[in-house]
Protein backbone atom coordinates (compact mmCIF):
# COMPACT_ATOMS: atom_id res chain seq x y z
CA UNK A 1 141.60 111.17 157.23
CA UNK A 2 137.95 112.05 157.30
CA UNK A 3 136.83 115.34 155.98
CA UNK A 4 133.58 116.22 157.69
CA UNK A 5 133.26 117.59 161.15
CA UNK A 6 130.37 118.95 163.38
CA UNK A 7 131.06 121.76 165.40
CA UNK A 8 128.43 122.31 168.39
CA UNK A 9 128.00 126.05 168.99
CA UNK A 10 127.91 128.66 166.52
CA UNK A 11 129.34 131.96 168.49
CA UNK A 12 132.53 133.23 167.32
CA UNK A 13 134.94 130.20 168.26
CA UNK A 14 132.54 128.06 166.52
CA UNK A 15 132.25 129.93 163.31
CA UNK A 16 136.29 130.38 163.47
CA UNK A 17 136.42 126.69 163.79
CA UNK A 18 134.01 126.15 160.79
CA UNK A 19 135.75 128.40 158.68
CA UNK A 20 139.30 127.14 159.45
CA UNK A 21 138.09 123.68 158.54
CA UNK A 22 136.64 125.27 154.98
CA UNK A 23 140.39 126.90 154.56
CA UNK A 24 141.97 123.30 154.49
CA UNK A 25 139.11 121.70 152.47
CA UNK A 26 137.32 120.23 155.24
CA UNK A 27 133.37 120.18 155.32
CA UNK A 28 131.66 121.29 158.66
CA UNK A 29 128.12 120.99 159.86
CA UNK A 30 127.59 123.81 162.71
CA UNK A 31 124.98 123.34 165.28
CA UNK A 32 123.58 126.43 167.30
CA UNK A 33 120.93 125.94 169.70
CA UNK A 34 119.49 129.27 169.55
CA UNK A 35 116.76 129.56 166.98
CA UNK A 36 118.41 132.77 165.46
CA UNK A 37 122.26 132.86 164.60
CA UNK A 38 123.51 135.91 166.17
CA UNK A 39 125.85 136.96 168.70
CA UNK A 40 125.07 138.14 171.98
CA UNK A 41 126.64 140.72 174.20
CA UNK A 42 128.08 144.36 173.48
CA UNK A 43 131.58 145.06 172.50
CA UNK A 44 135.48 143.69 172.56
CA UNK A 45 138.77 144.49 171.57
CA UNK A 46 140.92 142.35 169.77
CA UNK A 47 144.89 141.97 170.08
CA UNK A 48 147.49 141.45 167.50
CA UNK A 49 147.62 137.76 167.96
CA UNK A 50 143.59 137.66 167.18
CA UNK A 51 144.04 139.95 163.94
CA UNK A 52 146.77 137.61 162.78
CA UNK A 53 144.58 134.60 163.31
CA UNK A 54 141.78 136.36 161.32
CA UNK A 55 144.17 137.25 158.67
CA UNK A 56 144.99 133.23 158.64
CA UNK A 57 141.32 132.89 158.49
CA UNK A 58 140.98 134.90 155.32
CA UNK A 59 138.87 137.97 156.91
CA UNK A 60 141.55 139.85 158.35
CA UNK A 61 140.45 142.63 155.72
CA UNK A 62 136.56 142.35 156.46
CA UNK A 63 137.44 142.48 160.23
CA UNK A 64 139.55 145.89 160.03
CA UNK A 65 136.82 147.25 158.01
CA UNK A 66 134.25 146.94 161.06
CA UNK A 67 136.91 147.44 163.65
CA UNK A 68 137.98 151.01 165.29
CA UNK A 69 141.33 151.60 166.66
CA UNK A 70 141.04 152.00 170.36
CA UNK A 71 143.75 153.80 172.90
CA UNK A 72 142.32 152.14 175.80
CA UNK A 73 145.60 150.61 176.81
CA UNK A 74 147.23 153.95 176.66
CA UNK A 75 144.59 156.09 178.04
CA UNK A 76 144.88 155.23 181.92
CA UNK A 77 143.17 157.53 184.05
CA UNK A 78 141.89 158.27 187.67
CA UNK A 79 138.15 158.48 188.53
CA UNK A 80 138.84 162.49 188.97
CA UNK A 81 139.98 162.50 185.53
CA UNK A 82 143.92 162.72 185.79
CA UNK A 83 145.88 160.57 183.49
CA UNK A 84 148.27 158.07 184.91
CA UNK A 85 149.43 157.39 181.40
CA UNK A 86 148.25 159.18 177.83
CA UNK A 87 148.33 158.05 174.50
CA UNK A 88 149.63 160.88 172.05
CA UNK A 89 147.54 161.66 169.24
CA UNK A 90 148.58 159.63 165.81
CA UNK A 91 150.54 156.87 167.98
CA UNK A 92 149.82 153.42 166.48
CA UNK A 93 147.50 151.46 168.49
CA UNK A 94 147.68 147.54 168.83
CA UNK A 95 144.03 147.15 169.50
CA UNK A 96 140.79 147.45 167.41
CA UNK A 97 137.47 147.54 169.12
CA UNK A 98 134.44 145.84 167.80
CA UNK A 99 130.76 145.19 168.28
CA UNK A 100 130.75 141.52 169.05
CA UNK A 101 127.78 140.97 166.17
CA UNK A 102 129.96 142.82 163.86
CA UNK A 103 132.81 140.49 164.31
CA UNK A 104 130.47 137.75 164.42
CA UNK A 105 128.71 138.66 160.90
CA UNK A 106 132.33 138.81 159.30
CA UNK A 107 132.76 135.15 160.24
CA UNK A 108 129.40 133.87 159.34
CA UNK A 109 129.33 135.39 156.13
CA UNK A 110 132.74 133.84 155.10
CA UNK A 111 131.02 130.25 155.80
CA UNK A 112 129.72 128.22 152.79
CA UNK A 113 125.96 128.79 152.73
CA UNK A 114 124.12 125.62 154.09
CA UNK A 115 126.62 124.93 157.06
CA UNK A 116 125.01 126.45 159.78
CA UNK A 117 121.86 124.84 161.49
CA UNK A 118 120.10 127.18 164.05
CA UNK A 119 117.87 125.48 166.65
CA UNK A 120 119.70 122.40 166.84
CA UNK A 121 120.44 121.91 170.32
CA UNK A 122 122.75 119.03 171.26
CA UNK A 123 121.78 116.71 174.09
CA UNK A 124 123.55 113.48 173.76
CA UNK A 125 127.17 112.56 172.38
CA UNK A 126 127.97 108.92 171.82
CA UNK A 127 131.66 107.97 170.36
CA UNK A 128 132.49 104.90 168.38
CA UNK A 129 135.99 104.02 167.47
CA UNK A 130 136.30 106.41 164.55
CA UNK A 131 132.77 108.08 164.60
CA UNK A 132 131.01 110.49 166.89
CA UNK A 133 127.12 111.04 166.61
CA UNK A 134 125.60 113.65 168.29
CA UNK A 135 121.75 113.90 168.94
CA UNK A 136 119.42 116.96 168.29
CA UNK A 137 116.12 116.77 169.29
CA UNK A 138 114.93 113.62 167.13
CA UNK A 139 117.81 113.82 164.77
CA UNK A 140 121.23 112.20 164.88
CA UNK A 141 124.03 113.36 163.03
CA UNK A 142 127.41 111.60 162.59
CA UNK A 143 130.98 112.65 161.70
CA UNK A 144 134.44 111.41 162.15
CA UNK A 145 135.12 114.59 164.58
CA UNK A 146 133.23 116.96 166.99
CA UNK A 147 134.41 120.11 167.79
CA UNK A 148 132.83 121.44 171.00
CA UNK A 149 132.73 125.21 170.97
CA UNK A 150 129.46 125.50 172.88
CA UNK A 151 130.71 127.91 175.70
CA UNK A 152 131.51 127.78 179.30
CA UNK A 153 128.39 125.74 180.33
CA UNK A 154 129.24 123.33 177.43
CA UNK A 155 127.03 120.52 176.98
CA UNK A 156 129.77 118.13 175.44
CA UNK A 157 132.26 119.01 178.30
CA UNK A 158 129.45 118.21 180.95
CA UNK A 159 128.89 114.90 179.44
CA UNK A 160 132.52 113.81 178.44
CA UNK A 161 134.42 115.23 181.16
CA UNK A 162 131.97 114.70 184.04
CA UNK A 163 134.33 115.03 186.73
CA UNK A 164 135.44 118.40 185.73
CA UNK A 165 134.56 121.34 187.97
CA UNK A 166 131.75 123.81 187.05
CA UNK A 167 132.16 127.42 186.15
CA UNK A 168 133.85 129.11 189.15
CA UNK A 169 132.50 132.54 190.07
CA UNK A 170 135.43 134.93 190.59
CA UNK A 171 133.90 137.30 192.82
CA UNK A 172 133.44 139.93 190.34
CA UNK A 173 130.31 141.28 188.42
CA UNK A 174 130.39 143.77 185.41
CA UNK A 175 127.71 146.21 183.52
CA UNK A 176 127.95 146.36 179.85
CA UNK A 177 126.72 148.46 177.36
CA UNK A 178 126.67 150.46 173.82
CA UNK A 179 126.19 154.02 173.66
CA UNK A 180 125.76 156.20 170.60
CA UNK A 181 128.53 158.72 170.34
CA UNK A 182 131.36 159.54 167.69
CA UNK A 183 134.92 160.25 168.34
CA UNK A 184 135.46 158.23 171.70
CA UNK A 185 139.31 157.46 171.61
CA UNK A 186 139.10 155.00 174.19
CA UNK A 187 140.57 154.72 177.78
CA UNK A 188 140.40 152.81 181.06
CA UNK A 189 139.81 154.21 184.44
CA UNK A 190 141.20 152.52 187.51
CA UNK A 191 139.10 153.13 190.71
CA UNK A 192 139.34 151.83 194.23
CA UNK A 193 137.63 148.42 193.59
CA UNK A 194 136.68 148.39 190.18
CA UNK A 195 137.63 150.02 186.64
CA UNK A 196 135.73 151.57 183.92
CA UNK A 197 136.87 150.47 180.09
CA UNK A 198 135.61 152.57 177.09
CA UNK A 199 136.31 151.26 173.33
CA UNK A 200 135.08 152.70 170.35
CA UNK A 201 133.38 150.66 167.84
CA UNK A 202 131.72 151.12 164.39
CA UNK A 203 128.89 153.35 163.72
CA UNK A 204 129.83 156.20 165.87
CA UNK A 205 129.11 154.26 169.07
CA UNK A 206 131.09 153.44 172.18
CA UNK A 207 131.39 149.93 174.47
CA UNK A 208 131.65 150.46 177.84
CA UNK A 209 132.12 148.04 180.75
CA UNK A 210 132.48 148.40 184.57
CA UNK A 211 133.83 145.67 186.52
CA UNK A 212 133.79 145.48 190.36
CA UNK A 213 133.81 142.93 193.07
CA UNK A 214 130.86 141.20 193.87
CA UNK A 215 130.03 139.12 197.25
CA UNK A 216 127.82 136.53 195.36
CA UNK A 217 126.45 136.06 191.85
CA UNK A 218 123.07 136.64 190.52
CA UNK A 219 122.11 139.88 192.12
CA UNK A 220 119.87 142.07 189.84
CA UNK A 221 118.17 145.27 189.89
CA UNK A 222 116.04 144.49 186.60
CA UNK A 223 114.89 147.88 185.39
CA UNK A 224 117.38 149.97 187.79
CA UNK A 225 120.45 148.34 186.71
CA UNK A 226 121.58 151.94 185.59
CA UNK A 227 120.88 153.60 188.65
CA UNK A 228 122.58 151.00 190.58
CA UNK A 229 125.69 151.45 188.58
CA UNK A 230 125.71 155.35 189.01
CA UNK A 231 126.29 154.75 192.52
CA UNK A 232 129.54 153.48 191.86
CA UNK A 233 130.57 155.82 189.10
CA UNK A 234 128.09 158.44 188.75
CA UNK A 235 130.68 160.92 190.16
CA UNK A 236 133.92 159.96 188.07
CA UNK A 237 135.31 161.62 185.15
CA UNK A 238 133.34 162.75 181.96
CA UNK A 239 132.09 161.02 179.52
CA UNK A 240 131.54 157.85 181.93
CA UNK A 241 128.36 159.62 183.40
CA UNK A 242 127.35 160.72 179.76
CA UNK A 243 127.85 157.22 178.29
CA UNK A 244 125.89 155.51 180.98
CA UNK A 245 123.01 158.29 180.48
CA UNK A 246 123.18 157.52 176.91
CA UNK A 247 122.55 153.87 176.84
CA UNK A 248 119.05 152.65 176.63
CA UNK A 249 118.14 151.05 180.05
CA UNK A 250 116.92 148.08 178.32
CA UNK A 251 120.09 147.27 176.57
CA UNK A 252 122.51 147.65 179.79
CA UNK A 253 124.01 143.93 180.40
CA UNK A 254 124.72 142.58 183.66
CA UNK A 255 127.44 139.46 183.78
CA UNK A 256 128.56 137.82 186.66
CA UNK A 257 132.32 136.81 185.94
CA UNK A 258 133.15 133.22 185.84
CA UNK A 259 136.19 131.10 184.61
CA UNK A 260 136.98 127.23 184.15
CA UNK A 261 139.71 125.48 186.26
CA UNK A 262 142.16 123.97 183.71
CA UNK A 263 141.63 120.55 182.67
CA UNK A 264 144.38 117.79 181.83
CA UNK A 265 143.40 117.37 178.31
CA UNK A 266 140.95 119.19 175.87
CA UNK A 267 140.64 115.89 173.71
CA UNK A 268 138.05 113.02 174.68
CA UNK A 269 138.43 110.25 171.75
CA UNK A 270 137.18 112.12 168.58
CA UNK A 271 135.75 114.93 170.69
CA UNK A 272 138.02 118.40 171.06
CA UNK A 273 136.96 121.48 173.06
CA UNK A 274 137.64 124.52 171.62
CA UNK A 275 137.47 128.56 173.22
CA UNK A 276 135.32 129.07 176.36
CA UNK A 277 134.21 125.44 176.26
CA UNK A 278 138.07 124.54 177.08
CA UNK A 279 139.51 127.70 178.60
CA UNK A 280 136.72 130.01 179.39
CA UNK A 281 138.74 133.00 181.05
CA UNK A 282 137.70 136.38 182.91
CA UNK A 283 137.84 139.54 180.52
CA UNK A 284 140.72 141.28 182.04
CA UNK A 285 143.32 140.61 179.56
CA UNK A 286 140.76 141.05 176.77
CA UNK A 287 141.68 137.57 175.20
CA UNK A 288 138.58 135.09 175.19
CA UNK A 289 137.64 135.50 171.89
CA UNK A 290 141.12 135.79 170.60
CA UNK A 291 142.27 132.54 172.25
CA UNK A 292 139.41 130.94 170.55
CA UNK A 293 140.32 132.27 167.32
CA UNK A 294 143.78 130.85 167.78
CA UNK A 295 142.23 127.51 168.74
CA UNK A 296 140.73 127.23 165.51
CA UNK A 297 144.06 128.14 163.31
CA UNK A 298 146.09 125.72 165.10
CA UNK A 299 143.43 122.88 165.20
CA UNK A 300 142.99 123.38 161.09
CA UNK A 301 146.68 123.11 160.84
CA UNK A 302 146.99 120.04 162.86
CA UNK A 303 144.43 118.48 160.88
CA UNK A 304 145.89 119.43 157.64
CA UNK A 305 149.55 118.72 158.82
CA UNK A 306 149.13 115.29 160.57
CA UNK A 307 148.29 112.18 158.98
CA UNK A 308 145.53 111.05 161.52
CA UNK A 309 142.83 112.64 163.71
CA UNK A 310 144.26 111.02 166.60
CA UNK A 311 147.68 112.41 165.91
CA UNK A 312 146.14 115.88 164.96
CA UNK A 313 144.22 116.10 168.35
CA UNK A 314 147.36 115.38 170.21
CA UNK A 315 149.42 117.95 168.50
CA UNK A 316 146.63 120.73 169.20
CA UNK A 317 146.28 119.68 173.01
CA UNK A 318 149.92 120.03 173.29
CA UNK A 319 150.18 123.20 171.57
CA UNK A 320 146.98 125.13 173.02
CA UNK A 321 146.70 123.75 176.55
CA UNK A 322 149.52 125.30 178.10
CA UNK A 323 149.01 128.82 176.38
CA UNK A 324 145.29 129.04 176.99
CA UNK A 325 145.53 127.53 180.60
CA UNK A 326 148.50 130.38 181.47
CA UNK A 327 146.37 133.25 179.79
CA UNK A 328 143.25 132.25 181.66
CA UNK A 329 145.36 132.28 184.91
CA UNK A 330 146.86 135.44 184.31
CA UNK A 331 143.34 137.19 183.45
CA UNK A 332 142.28 135.71 186.60
CA UNK A 333 145.06 137.40 188.68
CA UNK A 334 144.72 140.72 186.95
CA UNK A 335 141.30 140.80 187.66
CA UNK A 336 141.78 140.25 191.39
CA UNK A 337 144.11 143.02 191.36
CA UNK A 338 142.17 145.33 189.39
CA UNK A 339 138.95 145.03 191.54
CA UNK A 340 141.33 145.16 194.94
CA UNK A 341 141.15 148.44 196.81
CA UNK A 342 144.50 147.57 198.37
CA UNK A 343 146.02 146.90 195.02
CA UNK A 344 144.87 150.29 193.60
CA UNK A 345 146.16 152.22 196.22
CA UNK A 346 149.51 150.75 195.51
CA UNK A 347 149.26 150.55 191.60
CA UNK A 348 148.50 154.37 190.82
CA UNK A 349 151.45 156.01 192.14
CA UNK A 350 153.40 153.15 190.44
CA UNK A 351 151.67 153.67 187.16
CA UNK A 352 152.65 157.40 187.21
CA UNK A 353 156.50 156.42 187.90
CA UNK A 354 156.71 154.64 184.63
CA UNK A 355 158.43 156.55 181.86
CA UNK A 356 155.82 157.13 178.95
CA UNK A 357 158.45 155.80 176.40
CA UNK A 358 158.58 152.60 178.70
CA UNK A 359 155.06 152.32 178.69
CA UNK A 360 154.37 152.81 174.84
CA UNK A 361 156.89 149.97 174.32
CA UNK A 362 155.05 147.82 176.91
CA UNK A 363 151.99 148.14 175.04
CA UNK A 364 153.34 148.14 171.09
CA UNK A 365 152.17 145.68 168.88
CA UNK A 366 154.59 142.97 170.18
CA UNK A 367 154.93 144.37 173.75
CA UNK A 368 154.21 141.01 175.39
CA UNK A 369 154.16 137.31 174.71
CA UNK A 370 150.75 137.18 174.50
CA UNK A 371 150.18 139.43 171.40
CA UNK A 372 153.63 138.36 169.98
CA UNK A 373 151.79 134.82 168.83
CA UNK A 374 152.15 133.96 164.97
CA UNK A 375 149.43 131.51 163.80
CA UNK A 376 150.60 128.47 161.53
CA UNK A 377 149.85 128.65 157.85
CA UNK A 378 146.65 127.00 156.80
CA UNK A 379 146.94 127.35 152.90
């Protein structure tokens, strides 16, 4: 079996794939179209399944060093500040909050020097029987395997899955930001038509996000994004208005939320989709990056355990497609509920009635099937 792969995309999924290949003795060339390799975005949380994947990639310790425990799943509030559920001080938390750039850097630093090529935009993919060739500008590179981890608008997906539907707008939009503020425990405030999420991240900072419904994508307020956001949550409980106020106006990120409809396969010849290129999902279960990390570990384990690349790709597809597509569908449904005014009126009294011990059990490290995932061994 060949031991060289081309990875398209230098985000968290692409770097995880390259690192997983390194762990099994393969070589990888990572092609990133951006001229500078860096992770865009603000913050995220990683659940136990993702942390186990990082452990198998050999960077669990480094990741935990830049992650911060967050009680967001345990501190549920209403806009007036009342708690629907409240974490107890000292409770173990299953989630770590990260700045995306911090986790990206952990992965990048673990990859052998020279593997990553920034400023390399892939424009064409050509397959032969056992070789795939990709074109970057005037250059062509060939390998026995291409891993397309180039995001929700993947070039490889568009070229090799031409009948696949484009990203689907889910009728929701979000504002994201990072504020300088220490000792923020994390919380999630449920309001009529939207929710406000807070995660602490390294460096005495807090990541925040407000997700709400939107009639159409593309609406922007340029320098007035903060003012528009405060129309929605300016009268919500502290520290929400203060967090928004402490965020530099030019750093507030506005995104429209899309996902991808399921594909019948993630494999086309010797090209395989990974991460958002395969199964981009809404952020409502906090599993986008986590599922990419899982993909990387499972793909490498299949390549190490199967006698042929074709057999390994079949195994990867069979293992990953059902889980990732079910997670994406669950996230889509969760997001629709969390931004529905009708669902809010039903959900808040129900959450108050859940006994605290039962709630804590549900958000424990193995509290749901997604978090209970265990990775295959790579070494």
